[in-house]
Protein backbone atom coordinates (compact mmCIF):
# COMPACT_ATOMS: atom_id res chain seq x y z
CA MET A 1 20.66 -2.94 -3.99
CA THR A 2 23.28 -3.67 -1.33
CA GLY A 3 22.84 -5.62 1.62
CA LYS A 4 22.93 -2.54 3.45
CA GLU A 5 19.84 -1.12 1.99
CA GLU A 6 17.99 -4.52 2.11
CA MET A 7 18.25 -4.38 6.46
CA THR A 8 17.46 -0.63 6.33
CA SER A 9 13.57 0.01 7.74
CA VAL A 10 11.30 1.16 4.89
CA THR A 11 9.56 3.61 6.60
CA LEU A 12 5.91 5.69 5.79
CA ASP A 13 8.21 8.95 5.82
CA LEU A 14 10.65 7.73 3.55
CA LEU A 15 8.56 6.42 0.79
CA LYS A 16 6.13 9.90 1.26
CA LYS A 17 10.18 11.57 0.37
CA LYS A 18 10.60 9.19 -2.27
CA VAL A 19 7.33 9.78 -4.00
CA ASP A 20 7.83 13.34 -3.67
CA ASP A 21 11.01 13.52 -4.87
CA PHE A 22 9.93 11.68 -7.92
CA ALA A 23 6.94 13.46 -8.50
CA LYS A 24 9.02 17.17 -7.97
CA GLU A 25 11.54 16.27 -10.83
CA ARG A 26 9.23 15.39 -13.46
CA ASP A 27 6.68 18.32 -12.61
CA TRP A 28 4.10 15.70 -11.85
CA GLU A 29 2.56 17.84 -8.99
CA LYS A 30 0.25 19.63 -10.87
CA PHE A 31 -1.39 16.57 -11.70
CA HIS A 32 -1.45 15.18 -8.01
CA SER A 33 -4.77 16.21 -7.46
CA PRO A 34 -6.63 14.23 -4.10
CA ARG A 35 -9.24 12.96 -6.92
CA ASN A 36 -6.43 12.15 -9.22
CA LEU A 37 -4.85 10.06 -7.21
CA LEU A 38 -7.88 8.57 -6.05
CA LEU A 39 -8.63 7.28 -9.66
CA ALA A 40 -4.92 5.94 -10.04
CA LEU A 41 -4.98 4.46 -6.78
CA VAL A 42 -8.65 2.77 -7.91
CA GLY A 43 -7.05 1.55 -11.26
CA GLU A 44 -3.92 -0.14 -9.26
CA VAL A 45 -6.12 -2.15 -6.87
CA GLY A 46 -8.14 -3.38 -10.46
CA GLU A 47 -4.42 -4.47 -11.45
CA LEU A 48 -3.82 -5.72 -7.95
CA SER A 49 -7.25 -8.09 -8.02
CA GLU A 50 -6.41 -9.44 -11.46
CA ILE A 51 -3.61 -11.19 -10.47
CA PHE A 52 -6.06 -13.13 -7.97
CA GLN A 53 -8.87 -12.95 -10.87
CA TRP A 54 -9.02 -16.66 -11.94
CA LYS A 55 -7.17 -18.53 -9.21
CA GLY A 56 -9.61 -18.47 -6.44
CA GLU A 57 -8.57 -19.17 -2.76
CA VAL A 58 -4.53 -19.56 -2.39
CA PRO A 59 -2.54 -20.42 0.56
CA LYS A 60 -0.81 -18.35 2.62
CA GLY A 61 2.88 -17.47 1.12
CA LEU A 62 1.26 -18.59 -2.10
CA PRO A 63 3.83 -21.44 -2.27
CA ASP A 64 2.51 -22.80 -5.73
CA TRP A 65 3.42 -19.31 -7.33
CA LYS A 66 6.00 -19.18 -9.13
CA GLU A 67 9.03 -16.40 -8.58
CA ASN A 68 7.83 -13.99 -11.55
CA GLU A 69 4.42 -14.25 -10.29
CA LYS A 70 5.09 -12.93 -6.90
CA LEU A 71 7.37 -10.33 -8.79
CA HIS A 72 4.58 -8.79 -10.65
CA LEU A 73 2.39 -9.07 -7.33
CA GLY A 74 4.90 -7.21 -5.42
CA GLU A 75 5.10 -4.70 -8.19
CA GLU A 76 0.94 -3.97 -7.90
CA LEU A 77 1.21 -3.88 -4.36
CA SER A 78 4.13 -1.29 -4.22
CA ASP A 79 1.99 0.93 -7.05
CA VAL A 80 -1.27 0.86 -4.84
CA LEU A 81 1.29 1.58 -1.59
CA LEU A 82 2.51 4.50 -3.05
CA TYR A 83 -0.21 5.83 -4.29
CA LEU A 84 -1.72 5.57 -0.77
CA VAL A 85 1.01 7.65 0.74
CA ARG A 86 0.86 10.45 -2.03
CA LEU A 87 -3.03 10.62 -1.50
CA SER A 88 -2.37 10.66 2.13
CA ASP A 89 0.51 13.63 1.59
CA ILE A 90 -1.13 15.50 -0.76
CA CYS A 91 -4.03 15.51 1.65
CA GLY A 92 -2.24 16.27 4.94
CA ILE A 93 -3.28 12.89 6.44
CA ASP A 94 -0.49 11.27 8.44
CA LEU A 95 -1.38 7.49 7.47
CA GLY A 96 0.74 5.81 9.92
CA GLN A 97 -1.39 7.67 12.69
CA ALA A 98 -4.36 7.20 11.11
CA ALA A 99 -3.85 3.60 10.61
CA LEU A 100 -2.92 3.44 14.83
CA ARG A 101 -5.99 5.50 15.55
CA LYS A 102 -7.87 3.00 13.24
CA VAL A 103 -6.12 -0.08 15.06
CA GLN A 104 -7.03 1.20 18.30
CA LEU A 105 -10.71 1.82 17.25
CA ASN A 106 -11.67 -1.56 15.62
CA ALA A 107 -9.90 -3.09 18.96
CA ILE A 108 -12.78 -1.06 20.63
CA LYS A 109 -15.52 -1.77 18.00
CA TYR A 110 -13.87 -5.76 18.01
CA PRO A 111 -13.02 -6.54 21.49
CA VAL A 112 -11.02 -9.98 22.27
CA ASN A 113 -13.81 -11.59 24.10
CA LYS A 114 -16.37 -11.01 21.79
CA SER A 115 -14.38 -11.71 18.57
CA ASN A 116 -13.54 -15.83 20.68
CA ASP A 117 -17.32 -15.83 21.44
CA GLU A 118 -17.80 -16.07 16.99
């Protein structure tokens, strides 16, 4: 990866296009039903969970983790993200807009004044 690519902001639209192109190039679209993608996503969440399974609580930034552990974590987080992006695309959901709406709904459900009182 060149320095220029590292500085480029990655959008959900870019990921959606990359995953769609990847699937089309391999003729995998026929396998990408919502159900299959959801099951694959759940499997990847399981793999992500395994990384933390026996570590107990870990501090923010993972200062005690080795670089290869952080690299593995990044790969599993990416698998989850890519399946989520693909699933939302196949279902016709604008994931970015849905996420923004959910943040707004959460702000109403959990107002600042109530959060600070707890």
